[in-house]
Amino acid sequence: MANRRDLKKDLNWLTHEVISDCLIYLEFNKVKDETPVAKIIDKIITKRSEAFTKINENTSAMNKREVKDKFNSIVNEFFDTANSCFEDLSKLSKK
């Protein structure tokens, strides 16, 4: 199992990838309405904050298996959100 610091670094990296893709999209596609891209960025930042809150919760009363399952569910949930953000951005670029 990865430690909390590594988990946070990985989530930060993925968050920055989504945000940088959104900013690149805005730079190369001069769109008048930036609201859909702003919603994607807001979605990933909100999910990052939620994930960090869950990661920082005290796990001393849990056994190792429960902690591992908890962290795996946090990561899977975050990956699903990041994937949906990338898909939403792809849909915008196809318009």
N, C-alpha and C. Protein backbone atom coordinates (compact mmCIF):
# COMPACT_ATOMS: atom_id res chain seq x y z
N MET A 1 0.84 -1.18 0.00
CA MET A 1 0.00 0.00 0.00
C MET A 1 0.89 1.24 0.00
N ALA A 2 0.50 2.19 -0.79
CA ALA A 2 1.22 3.46 -0.83
C ALA A 2 0.91 4.26 0.43
N ASN A 3 1.86 5.10 0.79
CA ASN A 3 1.58 5.94 1.95
C ASN A 3 0.75 7.16 1.52
N ARG A 4 0.27 7.88 2.48
CA ARG A 4 -0.61 9.01 2.20
C ARG A 4 0.06 10.07 1.35
N ARG A 5 1.33 10.32 1.62
CA ARG A 5 2.05 11.35 0.87
C ARG A 5 2.12 10.99 -0.62
N ASP A 6 2.42 9.73 -0.92
CA ASP A 6 2.48 9.30 -2.32
C ASP A 6 1.11 9.35 -2.98
N LEU A 7 0.09 8.97 -2.24
CA LEU A 7 -1.27 9.06 -2.78
C LEU A 7 -1.63 10.50 -3.14
N LYS A 8 -1.31 11.41 -2.25
CA LYS A 8 -1.61 12.82 -2.50
C LYS A 8 -0.82 13.34 -3.69
N LYS A 9 0.44 12.92 -3.81
CA LYS A 9 1.25 13.35 -4.95
C LYS A 9 0.64 12.84 -6.26
N ASP A 10 0.20 11.59 -6.26
CA ASP A 10 -0.41 11.04 -7.47
C ASP A 10 -1.71 11.76 -7.83
N LEU A 11 -2.52 12.05 -6.83
CA LEU A 11 -3.77 12.76 -7.09
C LEU A 11 -3.50 14.18 -7.57
N ASN A 12 -2.49 14.82 -6.98
CA ASN A 12 -2.11 16.16 -7.45
C ASN A 12 -1.64 16.12 -8.89
N TRP A 13 -0.84 15.11 -9.23
CA TRP A 13 -0.33 15.00 -10.60
C TRP A 13 -1.47 14.85 -11.59
N LEU A 14 -2.42 13.97 -11.27
CA LEU A 14 -3.54 13.74 -12.17
C LEU A 14 -4.43 14.99 -12.26
N THR A 15 -4.61 15.68 -11.16
CA THR A 15 -5.37 16.93 -11.17
C THR A 15 -4.70 17.95 -12.08
N HIS A 16 -3.39 18.07 -11.97
CA HIS A 16 -2.67 19.03 -12.81
C HIS A 16 -2.74 18.65 -14.28
N GLU A 17 -2.77 17.36 -14.58
CA GLU A 17 -2.89 16.92 -15.97
C GLU A 17 -4.24 17.35 -16.56
N VAL A 18 -5.29 17.16 -15.80
CA VAL A 18 -6.62 17.56 -16.27
C VAL A 18 -6.68 19.07 -16.48
N ILE A 19 -6.19 19.82 -15.50
CA ILE A 19 -6.22 21.28 -15.59
C ILE A 19 -5.37 21.77 -16.75
N SER A 20 -4.19 21.19 -16.92
CA SER A 20 -3.33 21.65 -18.02
C SER A 20 -3.95 21.32 -19.37
N ASP A 21 -4.61 20.17 -19.50
CA ASP A 21 -5.30 19.86 -20.75
C ASP A 21 -6.43 20.86 -21.01
N CYS A 22 -7.13 21.25 -19.97
CA CYS A 22 -8.19 22.25 -20.12
C CYS A 22 -7.62 23.59 -20.57
N LEU A 23 -6.52 23.99 -19.97
CA LEU A 23 -5.91 25.27 -20.34
C LEU A 23 -5.34 25.24 -21.75
N ILE A 24 -4.79 24.10 -22.15
CA ILE A 24 -4.30 23.96 -23.52
C ILE A 24 -5.47 24.04 -24.49
N TYR A 25 -6.58 23.40 -24.15
CA TYR A 25 -7.77 23.48 -25.00
C TYR A 25 -8.21 24.93 -25.16
N LEU A 26 -8.24 25.67 -24.06
CA LEU A 26 -8.66 27.07 -24.13
C LEU A 26 -7.69 27.90 -24.97
N GLU A 27 -6.41 27.59 -24.88
CA GLU A 27 -5.40 28.36 -25.62
C GLU A 27 -5.51 28.13 -27.12
N PHE A 28 -5.71 26.89 -27.52
CA PHE A 28 -5.74 26.58 -28.95
C PHE A 28 -7.11 26.74 -29.58
N ASN A 29 -8.15 26.71 -28.79
CA ASN A 29 -9.51 26.88 -29.30
C ASN A 29 -10.10 28.13 -28.67
N LYS A 30 -9.96 29.20 -29.33
CA LYS A 30 -10.44 30.48 -28.79
C LYS A 30 -11.97 30.46 -28.75
N VAL A 31 -12.50 29.97 -27.66
CA VAL A 31 -13.94 29.89 -27.48
C VAL A 31 -14.43 31.10 -26.70
N LYS A 32 -15.64 31.52 -27.02
CA LYS A 32 -16.20 32.69 -26.33
C LYS A 32 -16.75 32.30 -24.96
N ASP A 33 -17.31 31.11 -24.88
CA ASP A 33 -17.89 30.66 -23.62
C ASP A 33 -16.96 29.64 -22.96
N GLU A 34 -16.31 30.06 -21.90
CA GLU A 34 -15.36 29.18 -21.20
C GLU A 34 -16.02 28.43 -20.05
N THR A 35 -17.32 28.57 -19.90
CA THR A 35 -18.03 27.96 -18.78
C THR A 35 -17.90 26.43 -18.74
N PRO A 36 -18.05 25.71 -19.86
CA PRO A 36 -17.92 24.24 -19.78
C PRO A 36 -16.53 23.80 -19.31
N VAL A 37 -15.50 24.50 -19.75
CA VAL A 37 -14.14 24.15 -19.34
C VAL A 37 -13.95 24.49 -17.86
N ALA A 38 -14.50 25.61 -17.43
CA ALA A 38 -14.41 25.99 -16.02
C ALA A 38 -15.12 24.97 -15.13
N LYS A 39 -16.23 24.41 -15.63
CA LYS A 39 -16.94 23.38 -14.86
C LYS A 39 -16.11 22.11 -14.73
N ILE A 40 -15.38 21.76 -15.79
CA ILE A 40 -14.51 20.58 -15.73
C ILE A 40 -13.41 20.80 -14.71
N ILE A 41 -12.80 21.98 -14.74
CA ILE A 41 -11.73 22.29 -13.79
C ILE A 41 -12.28 22.29 -12.36
N ASP A 42 -13.45 22.89 -12.18
CA ASP A 42 -14.07 22.92 -10.85
C ASP A 42 -14.39 21.51 -10.35
N LYS A 43 -14.84 20.67 -11.26
CA LYS A 43 -15.19 19.29 -10.90
C LYS A 43 -13.98 18.52 -10.39
N ILE A 44 -12.84 18.65 -11.07
CA ILE A 44 -11.66 17.89 -10.66
C ILE A 44 -11.06 18.47 -9.38
N ILE A 45 -11.11 19.78 -9.22
CA ILE A 45 -10.58 20.39 -7.99
C ILE A 45 -11.44 20.02 -6.79
N THR A 46 -12.74 20.01 -6.98
CA THR A 46 -13.64 19.61 -5.90
C THR A 46 -13.41 18.16 -5.50
N LYS A 47 -13.26 17.29 -6.49
CA LYS A 47 -13.02 15.87 -6.20
C LYS A 47 -11.67 15.68 -5.51
N ARG A 48 -10.67 16.47 -5.89
CA ARG A 48 -9.35 16.40 -5.25
C ARG A 48 -9.46 16.78 -3.78
N SER A 49 -10.20 17.84 -3.50
CA SER A 49 -10.38 18.27 -2.11
C SER A 49 -11.10 17.21 -1.29
N GLU A 50 -12.13 16.61 -1.88
CA GLU A 50 -12.86 15.55 -1.19
C GLU A 50 -11.95 14.35 -0.93
N ALA A 51 -11.14 13.99 -1.91
CA ALA A 51 -10.24 12.85 -1.75
C ALA A 51 -9.21 13.12 -0.66
N PHE A 52 -8.66 14.33 -0.64
CA PHE A 52 -7.68 14.67 0.39
C PHE A 52 -8.31 14.62 1.78
N THR A 53 -9.54 15.07 1.89
CA THR A 53 -10.24 15.02 3.18
C THR A 53 -10.39 13.57 3.64
N LYS A 54 -10.77 12.70 2.71
CA LYS A 54 -10.93 11.28 3.05
C LYS A 54 -9.59 10.64 3.40
N ILE A 55 -8.53 11.01 2.67
CA ILE A 55 -7.21 10.44 2.94
C ILE A 55 -6.72 10.86 4.32
N ASN A 56 -7.01 12.10 4.71
CA ASN A 56 -6.52 12.63 5.98
C ASN A 56 -7.31 12.15 7.19
N GLU A 57 -8.41 11.46 6.98
CA GLU A 57 -9.19 10.95 8.11
C GLU A 57 -8.36 9.95 8.91
N ASN A 58 -8.62 9.92 10.19
CA ASN A 58 -7.89 9.03 11.09
C ASN A 58 -8.26 7.57 10.79
N THR A 59 -7.24 6.74 10.64
CA THR A 59 -7.47 5.32 10.35
C THR A 59 -6.90 4.41 11.44
N SER A 60 -6.60 4.97 12.59
CA SER A 60 -5.96 4.17 13.64
C SER A 60 -6.87 3.07 14.18
N ALA A 61 -8.17 3.24 14.11
CA ALA A 61 -9.10 2.24 14.62
C ALA A 61 -9.38 1.14 13.60
N MET A 62 -8.86 1.28 12.39
CA MET A 62 -9.12 0.31 11.32
C MET A 62 -7.96 -0.68 11.23
N ASN A 63 -8.28 -1.87 10.75
CA ASN A 63 -7.18 -2.81 10.48
C ASN A 63 -6.60 -2.51 9.10
N LYS A 64 -5.50 -3.17 8.78
CA LYS A 64 -4.79 -2.85 7.54
C LYS A 64 -5.65 -3.09 6.30
N ARG A 65 -6.43 -4.13 6.31
CA ARG A 65 -7.27 -4.46 5.15
C ARG A 65 -8.32 -3.37 4.92
N GLU A 66 -8.94 -2.91 5.99
CA GLU A 66 -9.94 -1.84 5.88
C GLU A 66 -9.32 -0.55 5.34
N VAL A 67 -8.12 -0.23 5.81
CA VAL A 67 -7.43 0.98 5.35
C VAL A 67 -7.11 0.86 3.87
N LYS A 68 -6.61 -0.30 3.48
CA LYS A 68 -6.27 -0.52 2.07
C LYS A 68 -7.52 -0.42 1.19
N ASP A 69 -8.61 -1.02 1.62
CA ASP A 69 -9.86 -0.94 0.86
C ASP A 69 -10.36 0.50 0.77
N LYS A 70 -10.23 1.23 1.86
CA LYS A 70 -10.66 2.63 1.87
C LYS A 70 -9.85 3.44 0.87
N PHE A 71 -8.52 3.30 0.90
CA PHE A 71 -7.67 4.06 -0.01
C PHE A 71 -7.89 3.64 -1.46
N ASN A 72 -8.11 2.35 -1.69
CA ASN A 72 -8.39 1.89 -3.05
C ASN A 72 -9.69 2.48 -3.58
N SER A 73 -10.70 2.56 -2.74
CA SER A 73 -11.97 3.14 -3.18
C SER A 73 -11.82 4.63 -3.47
N ILE A 74 -11.02 5.33 -2.67
CA ILE A 74 -10.77 6.75 -2.91
C ILE A 74 -10.08 6.94 -4.25
N VAL A 75 -9.06 6.14 -4.51
CA VAL A 75 -8.31 6.24 -5.76
C VAL A 75 -9.19 5.90 -6.95
N ASN A 76 -9.96 4.82 -6.86
CA ASN A 76 -10.83 4.43 -7.97
C ASN A 76 -11.88 5.50 -8.26
N GLU A 77 -12.44 6.06 -7.22
CA GLU A 77 -13.43 7.12 -7.38
C GLU A 77 -12.80 8.35 -8.05
N PHE A 78 -11.58 8.68 -7.65
CA PHE A 78 -10.90 9.83 -8.24
C PHE A 78 -10.54 9.57 -9.70
N PHE A 79 -10.08 8.35 -10.00
CA PHE A 79 -9.76 8.01 -11.38
C PHE A 79 -11.00 8.09 -12.27
N ASP A 80 -12.14 7.64 -11.76
CA ASP A 80 -13.39 7.73 -12.52
C ASP A 80 -13.74 9.18 -12.82
N THR A 81 -13.57 10.04 -11.84
CA THR A 81 -13.85 11.46 -12.04
C THR A 81 -12.89 12.07 -13.05
N ALA A 82 -11.61 11.75 -12.93
CA ALA A 82 -10.62 12.28 -13.88
C ALA A 82 -10.91 11.79 -15.29
N ASN A 83 -11.28 10.54 -15.42
CA ASN A 83 -11.61 9.99 -16.73
C ASN A 83 -12.83 10.69 -17.32
N SER A 84 -13.83 10.95 -16.51
CA SER A 84 -15.01 11.65 -17.02
C SER A 84 -14.67 13.08 -17.41
N CYS A 85 -13.73 13.70 -16.69
CA CYS A 85 -13.29 15.06 -17.06
C CYS A 85 -12.59 15.05 -18.42
N PHE A 86 -11.73 14.06 -18.63
CA PHE A 86 -11.06 13.94 -19.93
C PHE A 86 -12.07 13.69 -21.04
N GLU A 87 -13.07 12.86 -20.77
CA GLU A 87 -14.11 12.58 -21.77
C GLU A 87 -14.92 13.83 -22.07
N ASP A 88 -15.26 14.59 -21.05
CA ASP A 88 -16.01 15.84 -21.26
C ASP A 88 -15.20 16.82 -22.10
N LEU A 89 -13.92 16.91 -21.84
CA LEU A 89 -13.06 17.80 -22.61
C LEU A 89 -12.95 17.32 -24.06
N SER A 90 -12.90 16.02 -24.26
CA SER A 90 -12.86 15.48 -25.62
C SER A 90 -14.14 15.81 -26.38
N LYS A 91 -15.27 15.73 -25.69
CA LYS A 91 -16.54 16.08 -26.33
C LYS A 91 -16.56 17.55 -26.73
N LEU A 92 -15.99 18.40 -25.89
CA LEU A 92 -15.93 19.83 -26.22
C LEU A 92 -15.07 20.08 -27.44
N SER A 93 -13.97 19.36 -27.56
CA SER A 93 -13.07 19.60 -28.67
C SER A 93 -13.63 19.08 -29.99
N LYS A 94 -14.58 18.15 -29.92
CA LYS A 94 -15.19 17.62 -31.14
C LYS A 94 -16.27 18.53 -31.70
N LYS A 95 -16.70 19.48 -30.90
CA LYS A 95 -17.76 20.40 -31.35
C LYS A 95 -17.24 21.37 -32.37
